[in-house]
Amino acid sequence: MYTKHRFSPWNLALAAVLTLLSAPLWASDPAIVATSVKYEVTLDDKLPAVQDMLISALEARNYAVINQLDVQEGLTSRGIEAHPLRLIEFCNLTKAYRITRHVPDFEMFAPCRLALFEKDGKTTVMVQRPAHVLSILASNPALSGEGKAALEEFDRDLKAILTELASGAF
C-alpha cells in the first residue's frame, strides 16, 4: 500500500541545517587547501590586512604572537628583490605545556609559524598542521592523551581561523 509522506516546513528546515552541519567547513570555499601537512588559503586582500586579521584571530583564541618577521624587508636590505613575505610566530603556552611536559621533542616545532606571501595582488597564508606534528610524535610512548588532545584542539583552532579568514568573517 502506498503511503503519502508529508514534509512539514520544520522537517525541511531541520534537514537543511543537518546537511549544512555535516559538510566540511571548507567545502563551500575552494580557496582553502587542507592536506595532512598544512592548511592553506589564498585571499584577494593585501598582505598587511591579512596579517592584521590573523593576529586578531590568534589573540582572540589566547595565542600569543611571539614574533613577526618581514622577510622581504630583510632580503631587500641585502640587495635581493623578493615578493612580500612575512612570518608570524605564535604559541598557546598552556596547550604547549600540556604536550611538552611529557614530550620535550615538541619544542622542535614551537613556536608555530604562519607564512604569508603576496603575489599578483593576492595573499596566501600557510601553516603546518598540528595534526602533522601529532603524526610525527605519535610513536613516542610518553605522549599523553592530554598532549594528543591539545594537538587535536590546536589543529581545529587553526582550521577554524583560516576558514573564518576565507569566509570574510573578520
Protein backbone atom coordinates (compact mmCIF):
# COMPACT_ATOMS: atom_id res chain seq x y z
CA MET A 1 0.00 0.00 0.00
CA TYR A 2 1.30 3.43 -0.93
CA THR A 3 1.57 5.97 1.89
CA LYS A 4 1.88 9.62 1.07
CA HIS A 5 4.60 11.32 3.12
CA ARG A 6 4.14 14.85 4.26
CA PHE A 7 7.09 17.06 4.96
CA SER A 8 6.43 19.97 7.22
CA PRO A 9 8.43 23.17 6.79
CA TRP A 10 10.11 22.36 10.13
CA ASN A 11 11.28 18.95 8.89
CA LEU A 12 12.63 20.51 5.71
CA ALA A 13 14.43 23.24 7.66
CA LEU A 14 15.90 20.67 10.04
CA ALA A 15 17.11 18.56 7.11
CA ALA A 16 18.74 21.62 5.53
CA VAL A 17 20.54 22.54 8.76
CA LEU A 18 21.77 18.98 9.29
CA THR A 19 23.07 18.86 5.72
CA LEU A 20 25.00 22.10 6.22
CA LEU A 21 26.43 20.95 9.54
CA SER A 22 27.62 17.65 8.11
CA ALA A 23 29.58 19.30 5.27
CA PRO A 24 33.24 20.16 5.84
CA LEU A 25 33.71 23.79 6.80
CA TRP A 26 35.94 24.45 3.80
CA ALA A 27 33.73 22.68 1.24
CA SER A 28 32.00 25.87 0.14
CA ASP A 29 35.26 27.76 -0.39
CA PRO A 30 37.65 26.21 -2.87
CA ALA A 31 40.40 28.63 -1.77
CA ILE A 32 41.12 26.57 1.37
CA VAL A 33 43.51 23.67 0.94
CA ALA A 34 43.80 21.08 3.71
CA THR A 35 46.41 18.35 3.40
CA SER A 36 47.91 16.08 6.03
CA VAL A 37 50.80 18.55 6.34
CA LYS A 38 49.31 22.04 6.02
CA TYR A 39 46.35 24.36 5.82
CA GLU A 40 46.48 27.00 3.08
CA VAL A 41 44.19 29.77 1.93
CA THR A 42 44.57 32.44 -0.75
CA LEU A 43 42.73 35.73 -0.41
CA ASP A 44 42.19 38.79 -2.58
CA ASP A 45 43.33 41.06 0.27
CA LYS A 46 46.75 42.70 0.60
CA LEU A 47 49.26 41.13 2.98
CA PRO A 48 49.12 43.81 5.75
CA ALA A 49 45.33 43.46 6.05
CA VAL A 50 45.52 39.67 6.18
CA GLN A 51 48.30 39.85 8.77
CA ASP A 52 46.20 42.13 10.99
CA MET A 53 43.18 39.81 10.71
CA LEU A 54 45.29 36.74 11.57
CA ILE A 55 46.86 38.39 14.60
CA SER A 56 43.42 39.41 15.88
CA ALA A 57 42.09 35.88 15.35
CA LEU A 58 45.06 34.30 17.14
CA GLU A 59 44.82 36.66 20.10
CA ALA A 60 41.06 36.07 20.34
CA ARG A 61 41.83 32.36 20.86
CA ASN A 62 44.51 33.02 23.50
CA TYR A 63 47.53 32.52 21.25
CA ALA A 64 50.48 34.81 21.93
CA VAL A 65 52.13 36.37 18.90
CA ILE A 66 55.82 35.97 19.64
CA ASN A 67 57.48 37.39 16.55
CA GLN A 68 56.69 38.94 13.19
CA LEU A 69 59.41 38.79 10.58
CA ASP A 70 59.26 40.81 7.36
CA VAL A 71 61.37 38.53 5.15
CA GLN A 72 61.04 40.80 2.12
CA GLU A 73 62.50 43.72 4.08
CA GLY A 74 65.41 41.61 5.29
CA LEU A 75 66.18 40.38 1.79
CA THR A 76 65.87 43.88 0.31
CA SER A 77 68.42 45.14 2.84
CA ARG A 78 70.79 42.51 1.43
CA GLY A 79 70.20 43.62 -2.16
CA ILE A 80 67.80 40.77 -3.00
CA GLU A 81 64.48 41.61 -4.61
CA ALA A 82 61.64 39.46 -3.28
CA HIS A 83 57.86 39.43 -3.21
CA PRO A 84 56.16 40.42 0.08
CA LEU A 85 56.72 37.62 2.60
CA ARG A 86 56.09 37.64 6.34
CA LEU A 87 56.32 35.05 9.06
CA ILE A 88 54.19 35.19 12.21
CA GLU A 89 55.34 33.03 15.11
CA PHE A 90 52.75 32.22 17.75
CA CYS A 91 52.08 29.89 20.66
CA ASN A 92 49.46 28.98 23.21
CA LEU A 93 51.63 28.31 26.25
CA THR A 94 49.00 26.26 28.08
CA LYS A 95 48.45 23.91 25.15
CA ALA A 96 52.20 23.67 24.51
CA TYR A 97 52.84 22.79 28.16
CA ARG A 98 50.21 20.01 28.01
CA ILE A 99 52.36 18.46 25.27
CA THR A 100 55.93 19.27 26.29
CA ARG A 101 55.70 18.25 29.92
CA HIS A 102 55.73 14.63 28.71
CA VAL A 103 57.37 15.00 25.28
CA PRO A 104 60.04 17.70 25.14
CA ASP A 105 60.54 16.87 21.43
CA PHE A 106 57.55 19.10 20.70
CA GLU A 107 59.83 22.09 21.31
CA MET A 108 61.33 21.44 17.86
CA PHE A 109 58.00 22.56 16.37
CA ALA A 110 57.41 25.52 18.65
CA PRO A 111 56.64 28.29 18.29
CA CYS A 112 54.29 27.64 15.43
CA ARG A 113 54.60 29.73 12.30
CA LEU A 114 52.22 31.19 9.74
CA ALA A 115 53.77 32.09 6.38
CA LEU A 116 52.10 34.89 4.43
CA PHE A 117 53.16 35.90 0.95
CA GLU A 118 51.68 38.24 -1.59
CA LYS A 119 51.83 37.68 -5.30
CA ASP A 120 49.77 39.20 -8.11
CA GLY A 121 47.67 41.16 -5.61
CA LYS A 122 46.63 38.08 -3.62
CA THR A 123 47.86 36.88 -0.24
CA THR A 124 48.43 33.22 0.55
CA VAL A 125 48.56 32.00 4.15
CA MET A 126 50.11 28.64 5.03
CA VAL A 127 50.56 26.87 8.35
CA GLN A 128 51.87 23.44 9.28
CA ARG A 129 49.07 21.38 10.77
CA PRO A 130 49.40 20.34 14.40
CA ALA A 131 47.89 17.05 13.20
CA HIS A 132 51.07 16.58 11.15
CA VAL A 133 53.17 17.20 14.26
CA LEU A 134 50.98 14.68 16.09
CA SER A 135 51.65 12.09 13.36
CA ILE A 136 55.39 12.60 13.94
CA LEU A 137 55.19 12.48 17.74
CA ALA A 138 52.52 9.76 17.99
CA SER A 139 55.10 6.98 18.13
CA ASN A 140 56.55 8.46 21.32
CA PRO A 141 55.05 6.43 24.20
CA ALA A 142 55.42 9.42 26.53
CA LEU A 143 52.89 11.49 24.55
CA SER A 144 49.90 11.56 26.87
CA GLY A 145 46.25 11.56 25.95
CA GLU A 146 46.19 15.14 27.21
CA GLY A 147 49.04 16.04 24.82
CA LYS A 148 47.29 14.37 21.87
CA ALA A 149 44.08 16.21 22.72
CA ALA A 150 45.97 19.53 22.86
CA LEU A 151 47.41 18.96 19.38
CA GLU A 152 43.98 17.99 18.02
CA GLU A 153 42.40 21.08 19.60
CA PHE A 154 45.17 23.24 18.19
CA ASP A 155 44.58 21.76 14.72
CA ARG A 156 40.86 22.57 14.95
CA ASP A 157 41.67 26.13 16.05
CA LEU A 158 43.90 26.77 13.05
CA LYS A 159 41.38 25.28 10.63
CA ALA A 160 38.67 27.50 12.13
CA ILE A 161 40.84 30.61 11.88
CA LEU A 162 41.64 30.03 8.21
CA THR A 163 38.02 29.10 7.46
CA GLU A 164 36.83 32.33 9.04
CA LEU A 165 39.50 34.26 7.18
CA ALA A 166 38.42 32.75 3.83
CA SER A 167 34.76 33.46 4.51
CA GLY A 168 35.42 37.06 5.46
CA ALA A 169 34.13 36.54 9.00
CA PHE A 170 36.63 39.01 10.46
